[in-house]
């Protein structure tokens, strides 16, 4: 898998976890969903994503979206 797919999968998992935590623990966990959404939005415009840098450091091969 390349970094692009890993970042999208990670974002999807974080959103699902946030929804589950919101339902079972506290509505404040929606802030995690907001954070993930804002991060996806800014990375769409800038091409820079902190998670992509972390996954690159972990050795995932580069994709075409995040450099």
N, C-alpha and C. Protein backbone atom coordinates (compact mmCIF):
# COMPACT_ATOMS: atom_id res chain seq x y z
N UNK A 1 0.84 -1.18 0.00
CA UNK A 1 0.00 0.00 0.00
C UNK A 1 0.88 1.24 0.00
N UNK A 2 0.39 2.26 -0.69
CA UNK A 2 1.16 3.51 -0.69
C UNK A 2 0.59 4.46 0.37
N UNK A 3 1.29 5.55 0.57
CA UNK A 3 0.93 6.51 1.62
C UNK A 3 -0.47 7.07 1.41
N UNK A 4 -0.85 7.33 0.17
CA UNK A 4 -2.18 7.89 -0.09
C UNK A 4 -3.28 7.00 0.45
N UNK A 5 -3.18 5.72 0.15
CA UNK A 5 -4.22 4.78 0.60
C UNK A 5 -4.19 4.59 2.12
N UNK A 6 -2.99 4.58 2.69
CA UNK A 6 -2.88 4.43 4.14
C UNK A 6 -3.49 5.63 4.86
N UNK A 7 -3.24 6.83 4.36
CA UNK A 7 -3.80 8.04 4.98
C UNK A 7 -5.33 8.02 4.90
N UNK A 8 -5.87 7.65 3.76
CA UNK A 8 -7.33 7.60 3.62
C UNK A 8 -7.94 6.52 4.51
N UNK A 9 -7.29 5.37 4.59
CA UNK A 9 -7.78 4.30 5.47
C UNK A 9 -7.71 4.73 6.93
N UNK A 10 -6.61 5.38 7.31
CA UNK A 10 -6.46 5.85 8.69
C UNK A 10 -7.53 6.89 9.03
N UNK A 11 -7.80 7.81 8.12
CA UNK A 11 -8.83 8.82 8.35
C UNK A 11 -10.20 8.16 8.52
N UNK A 12 -10.49 7.18 7.68
CA UNK A 12 -11.77 6.48 7.79
C UNK A 12 -11.92 5.75 9.11
N UNK A 13 -10.86 5.10 9.55
CA UNK A 13 -10.89 4.40 10.83
C UNK A 13 -11.08 5.39 11.98
N UNK A 14 -10.36 6.50 11.92
CA UNK A 14 -10.49 7.51 12.99
C UNK A 14 -11.91 8.07 13.06
N UNK A 15 -12.54 8.28 11.92
CA UNK A 15 -13.91 8.79 11.92
C UNK A 15 -14.86 7.76 12.50
N UNK A 16 -14.71 6.50 12.12
CA UNK A 16 -15.57 5.45 12.66
C UNK A 16 -15.38 5.28 14.17
N UNK A 17 -14.14 5.32 14.62
CA UNK A 17 -13.86 5.23 16.05
C UNK A 17 -14.48 6.41 16.79
N UNK A 18 -14.38 7.59 16.20
CA UNK A 18 -14.95 8.78 16.81
C UNK A 18 -16.47 8.67 16.93
N UNK A 19 -17.12 8.14 15.91
CA UNK A 19 -18.57 7.98 15.96
C UNK A 19 -18.95 6.98 17.05
N UNK A 20 -18.22 5.88 17.14
CA UNK A 20 -18.50 4.90 18.19
C UNK A 20 -18.28 5.49 19.59
N UNK A 21 -17.18 6.21 19.77
CA UNK A 21 -16.92 6.84 21.07
C UNK A 21 -17.97 7.90 21.40
N UNK A 22 -18.44 8.62 20.40
CA UNK A 22 -19.50 9.60 20.61
C UNK A 22 -20.77 8.92 21.08
N UNK A 23 -21.09 7.82 20.47
CA UNK A 23 -22.33 7.10 20.82
C UNK A 23 -22.25 6.47 22.21
N UNK A 24 -21.11 5.85 22.53
CA UNK A 24 -21.02 5.08 23.76
C UNK A 24 -20.38 5.81 24.94
N UNK A 25 -19.62 6.87 24.68
CA UNK A 25 -18.89 7.51 25.78
C UNK A 25 -19.36 8.94 26.02
N UNK A 26 -19.13 9.83 25.04
CA UNK A 26 -19.43 11.24 25.24
C UNK A 26 -19.56 11.94 23.89
N UNK A 27 -20.49 12.90 23.80
CA UNK A 27 -20.61 13.65 22.55
C UNK A 27 -19.39 14.51 22.23
N UNK A 28 -18.52 14.72 23.20
CA UNK A 28 -17.31 15.51 22.96
C UNK A 28 -16.36 14.83 21.98
N UNK A 29 -16.53 13.53 21.76
CA UNK A 29 -15.68 12.82 20.80
C UNK A 29 -15.95 13.26 19.37
N UNK A 30 -17.03 13.99 19.14
CA UNK A 30 -17.27 14.54 17.80
C UNK A 30 -16.17 15.52 17.40
N UNK A 31 -15.48 16.07 18.39
CA UNK A 31 -14.37 16.97 18.08
C UNK A 31 -13.27 16.23 17.32
N UNK A 32 -13.09 14.95 17.58
CA UNK A 32 -12.13 14.17 16.82
C UNK A 32 -12.55 14.07 15.36
N UNK A 33 -13.83 13.87 15.11
CA UNK A 33 -14.35 13.83 13.75
C UNK A 33 -14.12 15.16 13.05
N UNK A 34 -14.37 16.25 13.77
CA UNK A 34 -14.14 17.58 13.21
C UNK A 34 -12.67 17.77 12.87
N UNK A 35 -11.78 17.35 13.76
CA UNK A 35 -10.35 17.48 13.51
C UNK A 35 -9.92 16.70 12.27
N UNK A 36 -10.39 15.47 12.15
CA UNK A 36 -10.03 14.65 10.99
C UNK A 36 -10.57 15.28 9.71
N UNK A 37 -11.81 15.76 9.75
CA UNK A 37 -12.40 16.40 8.58
C UNK A 37 -11.66 17.65 8.16
N UNK A 38 -11.30 18.48 9.13
CA UNK A 38 -10.55 19.70 8.81
C UNK A 38 -9.16 19.37 8.26
N UNK A 39 -8.54 18.35 8.81
CA UNK A 39 -7.23 17.94 8.32
C UNK A 39 -7.33 17.43 6.88
N UNK A 40 -8.36 16.65 6.57
CA UNK A 40 -8.55 16.19 5.19
C UNK A 40 -8.79 17.36 4.24
N UNK A 41 -9.56 18.33 4.69
CA UNK A 41 -9.86 19.49 3.87
C UNK A 41 -8.61 20.32 3.59
N UNK A 42 -7.82 20.59 4.61
CA UNK A 42 -6.61 21.39 4.39
C UNK A 42 -5.60 20.63 3.54
N UNK A 43 -5.52 19.31 3.70
CA UNK A 43 -4.57 18.56 2.88
C UNK A 43 -5.00 18.50 1.42
N UNK A 44 -6.30 18.61 1.17
CA UNK A 44 -6.77 18.64 -0.22
C UNK A 44 -6.29 19.91 -0.92
N UNK A 45 -6.18 21.01 -0.17
CA UNK A 45 -5.76 22.27 -0.77
C UNK A 45 -4.24 22.46 -0.76
N UNK A 46 -3.58 21.94 0.27
CA UNK A 46 -2.15 22.20 0.41
C UNK A 46 -1.27 21.04 -0.05
N UNK A 47 -1.81 19.81 -0.04
CA UNK A 47 -1.02 18.64 -0.39
C UNK A 47 -0.12 18.19 0.75
N UNK A 48 -0.27 18.77 1.92
CA UNK A 48 0.55 18.43 3.08
C UNK A 48 -0.33 17.82 4.15
N UNK A 49 0.10 16.69 4.70
CA UNK A 49 -0.67 16.00 5.74
C UNK A 49 0.30 15.46 6.78
N UNK A 50 0.08 15.78 8.05
CA UNK A 50 0.98 15.26 9.10
C UNK A 50 1.01 13.74 9.14
N UNK A 51 -0.13 13.11 8.95
CA UNK A 51 -0.16 11.64 8.98
C UNK A 51 0.67 11.06 7.85
N UNK A 52 0.69 11.70 6.70
CA UNK A 52 1.50 11.22 5.58
C UNK A 52 2.98 11.26 5.92
N UNK A 53 3.40 12.28 6.65
CA UNK A 53 4.81 12.37 7.07
C UNK A 53 5.15 11.22 8.03
N UNK A 54 4.23 10.91 8.94
CA UNK A 54 4.45 9.81 9.88
C UNK A 54 4.53 8.49 9.14
N UNK A 55 3.61 8.26 8.22
CA UNK A 55 3.61 7.00 7.48
C UNK A 55 4.84 6.89 6.57
N UNK A 56 5.31 8.00 6.05
CA UNK A 56 6.54 7.98 5.25
C UNK A 56 7.73 7.57 6.12
N UNK A 57 7.76 8.09 7.35
CA UNK A 57 8.83 7.74 8.27
C UNK A 57 8.76 6.26 8.67
N UNK A 58 7.56 5.69 8.64
CA UNK A 58 7.40 4.28 8.96
C UNK A 58 7.74 3.36 7.79
N UNK A 59 8.03 3.95 6.63
CA UNK A 59 8.52 3.18 5.51
C UNK A 59 7.51 2.84 4.42
N UNK A 60 6.34 3.45 4.45
CA UNK A 60 5.38 3.21 3.37
C UNK A 60 5.88 3.91 2.11
N UNK A 61 5.62 3.30 0.97
CA UNK A 61 6.11 3.88 -0.28
C UNK A 61 5.27 5.09 -0.67
N UNK A 62 5.88 6.05 -1.33
CA UNK A 62 5.18 7.29 -1.70
C UNK A 62 4.04 7.03 -2.67
N UNK A 63 3.04 7.90 -2.58
CA UNK A 63 1.93 7.88 -3.53
C UNK A 63 2.04 9.10 -4.42
N UNK A 64 0.93 9.50 -4.98
CA UNK A 64 0.96 10.67 -5.86
C UNK A 64 0.35 11.91 -5.21
N UNK A 65 -0.41 11.75 -4.14
CA UNK A 65 -1.08 12.90 -3.55
C UNK A 65 -0.20 13.63 -2.52
N UNK A 66 0.45 12.88 -1.66
CA UNK A 66 1.24 13.48 -0.59
C UNK A 66 2.71 13.24 -0.85
N UNK A 67 3.49 14.31 -0.83
CA UNK A 67 4.93 14.19 -1.09
C UNK A 67 5.71 14.76 0.05
